[in-house]
Amino acid sequence: MNARSGVYNESMTLFTAPGQGHAIRYAGQTMRVLAGWGGEPEGFAVIQMTVPARFAGPIPHAHDTFDEAVYVLDGALRVVGDSGTVDASTGSLFVAPRGHRHGFSNPHDTPAQVLGLWSPAHLGLAFMRDIGQALPPTGPPDPDAVSEIYHRHASRLLPD
């Protein structure tokens, strides 16, 4: 076990203890990488994060090189997809395959807890690391600041 990260990997087993995992900042919050950091496993990444109350979210977008999914553990998000907007409450899963427009926000007064999944891991985590630094916890993101990040990660901004 790596005491610093709380990650145990023997043979093909990966275990991340509660509150452990590599930390990434996302919209002013600490996001924990539960799987996928450092290529363990290389096929997908899993994170746990808090989406702040009143979070405007990223500008709707599409990723051309990785798939993304978000599972709502607690609270609710507003999700934008190819076919419209829906509210995703506890227990909801939304999936954005490569090339599909998506985005989310938390217009509610309480934070939401989510699991995020990306495949392949290294592409999704590199994007999350970079965009997480640029997204403010409150208010809309600066389109000019995030545009370069999206472009660098083979993603496209697709606002309304």
Protein backbone atom coordinates (compact mmCIF):
# COMPACT_ATOMS: atom_id res chain seq x y z
CA MET A 1 0.00 0.00 0.00
CA ASN A 2 1.20 3.46 -0.82
CA ALA A 3 0.51 5.24 2.49
CA ARG A 4 0.51 8.68 0.91
CA SER A 5 -2.18 7.95 -1.66
CA GLY A 6 -4.06 5.13 0.10
CA VAL A 7 -3.83 3.10 -3.11
CA TYR A 8 -3.04 -0.61 -2.95
CA ASN A 9 -2.10 -2.43 -6.14
CA GLU A 10 -1.07 -6.07 -6.15
CA SER A 11 -1.29 -8.06 -9.33
CA MET A 12 -4.43 -6.69 -10.99
CA THR A 13 -6.17 -5.37 -7.85
CA LEU A 14 -6.54 -1.66 -7.17
CA PHE A 15 -7.92 -0.37 -3.89
CA THR A 16 -8.34 3.27 -2.93
CA ALA A 17 -9.30 3.98 0.69
CA PRO A 18 -11.95 6.61 1.58
CA GLY A 19 -10.55 10.13 1.37
CA GLN A 20 -7.48 8.87 -0.49
CA GLY A 21 -6.33 9.01 -4.11
CA HIS A 22 -4.51 11.64 -6.10
CA ALA A 23 -5.99 15.13 -5.53
CA ILE A 24 -6.87 17.46 -8.42
CA ARG A 25 -8.46 20.89 -8.01
CA TYR A 26 -11.73 21.35 -9.88
CA ALA A 27 -13.76 24.56 -9.56
CA GLY A 28 -12.16 25.30 -6.20
CA GLN A 29 -12.91 21.82 -4.85
CA THR A 30 -10.66 18.83 -4.26
CA MET A 31 -11.44 16.02 -6.65
CA ARG A 32 -10.05 12.57 -5.73
CA VAL A 33 -8.80 10.25 -8.47
CA LEU A 34 -9.87 6.77 -7.32
CA ALA A 35 -8.55 4.90 -10.37
CA GLY A 36 -6.60 5.70 -13.50
CA TRP A 37 -3.87 7.95 -12.10
CA GLY A 38 -0.44 6.84 -13.31
CA GLY A 39 -2.02 4.33 -15.68
CA GLU A 40 -3.53 2.10 -12.99
CA PRO A 41 -5.64 0.94 -14.75
CA GLU A 42 -4.89 2.51 -18.09
CA GLY A 43 -8.31 1.80 -19.59
CA PHE A 44 -10.46 4.15 -17.51
CA ALA A 45 -10.38 6.73 -14.74
CA VAL A 46 -12.76 7.21 -11.81
CA ILE A 47 -12.96 10.32 -9.66
CA GLN A 48 -15.11 11.42 -6.73
CA MET A 49 -15.89 15.09 -6.42
CA THR A 50 -18.15 17.69 -4.93
CA VAL A 51 -19.94 19.95 -7.38
CA PRO A 52 -20.45 23.25 -5.51
CA ALA A 53 -23.91 24.71 -4.98
CA ARG A 54 -24.78 27.27 -7.67
CA PHE A 55 -21.94 25.99 -9.90
CA ALA A 56 -22.51 27.38 -13.42
CA GLY A 57 -20.64 24.41 -14.89
CA PRO A 58 -18.53 24.10 -18.00
CA ILE A 59 -19.73 25.54 -21.28
CA PRO A 60 -21.47 22.73 -23.23
CA HIS A 61 -18.86 20.88 -25.24
CA ALA A 62 -17.84 17.60 -26.87
CA HIS A 63 -14.68 15.52 -26.50
CA ASP A 64 -13.31 13.82 -29.61
CA THR A 65 -10.79 11.47 -27.97
CA PHE A 66 -12.41 10.21 -24.77
CA ASP A 67 -15.76 9.16 -23.32
CA GLU A 68 -17.18 10.67 -20.13
CA ALA A 69 -19.85 9.59 -17.64
CA VAL A 70 -21.08 11.11 -14.38
CA TYR A 71 -23.04 9.26 -11.68
CA VAL A 72 -24.82 11.39 -9.07
CA LEU A 73 -24.14 9.96 -5.60
CA ASP A 74 -25.97 12.67 -3.65
CA GLY A 75 -27.77 15.85 -4.62
CA ALA A 76 -28.72 16.83 -8.14
CA LEU A 77 -27.25 18.32 -11.30
CA ARG A 78 -28.74 19.90 -14.38
CA VAL A 79 -27.43 18.07 -17.44
CA VAL A 80 -27.31 19.38 -21.02
CA GLY A 81 -27.08 16.81 -23.80
CA ASP A 82 -27.58 16.49 -27.54
CA SER A 83 -31.35 16.30 -27.09
CA GLY A 84 -32.02 18.85 -24.36
CA THR A 85 -31.72 19.51 -20.65
CA VAL A 86 -32.72 17.21 -17.78
CA ASP A 87 -32.36 17.21 -14.01
CA ALA A 88 -30.21 14.33 -12.75
CA SER A 89 -31.01 13.43 -9.13
CA THR A 90 -29.30 10.97 -6.79
CA GLY A 91 -28.79 7.65 -8.57
CA SER A 92 -28.78 9.16 -12.08
CA LEU A 93 -26.08 8.42 -14.64
CA PHE A 94 -25.35 10.42 -17.75
CA VAL A 95 -22.96 9.30 -20.44
CA ALA A 96 -21.34 11.49 -23.09
CA PRO A 97 -19.68 9.32 -25.74
CA ARG A 98 -16.96 10.88 -27.87
CA GLY A 99 -18.29 13.61 -30.11
CA HIS A 100 -21.55 14.16 -28.20
CA ARG A 101 -22.46 17.58 -26.81
CA HIS A 102 -22.82 17.72 -23.03
CA GLY A 103 -22.43 19.89 -19.98
CA PHE A 104 -23.72 20.15 -16.44
CA SER A 105 -24.38 22.65 -13.68
CA ASN A 106 -25.60 22.67 -10.11
CA PRO A 107 -28.25 25.39 -9.89
CA HIS A 108 -29.32 24.14 -6.46
CA ASP A 109 -28.54 25.49 -2.98
CA THR A 110 -26.71 22.32 -1.90
CA PRO A 111 -23.54 20.70 -3.27
CA ALA A 112 -23.75 17.43 -5.19
CA GLN A 113 -21.45 14.43 -4.79
CA VAL A 114 -20.60 12.60 -8.01
CA LEU A 115 -18.44 9.88 -9.50
CA GLY A 116 -16.91 10.76 -12.85
CA LEU A 117 -15.58 8.19 -15.31
CA TRP A 118 -13.37 8.73 -18.39
CA SER A 119 -11.94 6.40 -20.96
CA PRO A 120 -9.12 6.29 -21.78
CA ALA A 121 -7.88 7.38 -18.37
CA HIS A 122 -4.88 9.53 -19.26
CA LEU A 123 -6.79 11.70 -21.76
CA GLY A 124 -9.75 12.30 -19.46
CA LEU A 125 -7.63 13.05 -16.41
CA ALA A 126 -5.33 15.42 -18.31
CA PHE A 127 -8.38 17.37 -19.45
CA MET A 128 -9.93 17.41 -15.96
CA ARG A 129 -6.66 18.58 -14.41
CA ASP A 130 -6.40 21.52 -16.82
CA ILE A 131 -10.05 22.57 -17.02
CA GLY A 132 -10.53 22.20 -13.27
CA GLN A 133 -8.04 25.01 -12.69
CA ALA A 134 -9.91 27.33 -15.08
CA LEU A 135 -13.49 26.80 -13.84
CA PRO A 136 -14.61 29.12 -11.03
CA PRO A 137 -16.72 27.68 -8.18
CA THR A 138 -19.32 30.41 -8.77
CA GLY A 139 -20.24 32.34 -11.87
CA PRO A 140 -19.73 31.36 -15.48
CA PRO A 141 -16.33 30.40 -16.87
CA ASP A 142 -14.39 32.80 -19.07
CA PRO A 143 -14.92 31.47 -22.63
CA ASP A 144 -11.53 32.76 -23.79
CA ALA A 145 -9.69 31.12 -20.89
CA VAL A 146 -11.32 27.72 -21.41
CA SER A 147 -11.29 27.75 -25.22
CA GLU A 148 -7.55 27.07 -25.44
CA ILE A 149 -7.83 24.22 -22.92
CA TYR A 150 -10.61 22.56 -24.88
CA HIS A 151 -8.68 22.92 -28.13
CA ARG A 152 -5.51 21.46 -26.58
CA HIS A 153 -7.49 18.40 -25.41
CA ALA A 154 -9.26 17.69 -28.72
CA SER A 155 -12.55 19.04 -27.37
CA ARG A 156 -14.92 21.58 -28.84
CA LEU A 157 -17.01 24.28 -27.13
CA LEU A 158 -20.63 23.95 -28.27
CA PRO A 159 -22.64 26.66 -26.49
CA ASP A 160 -26.34 27.10 -27.19
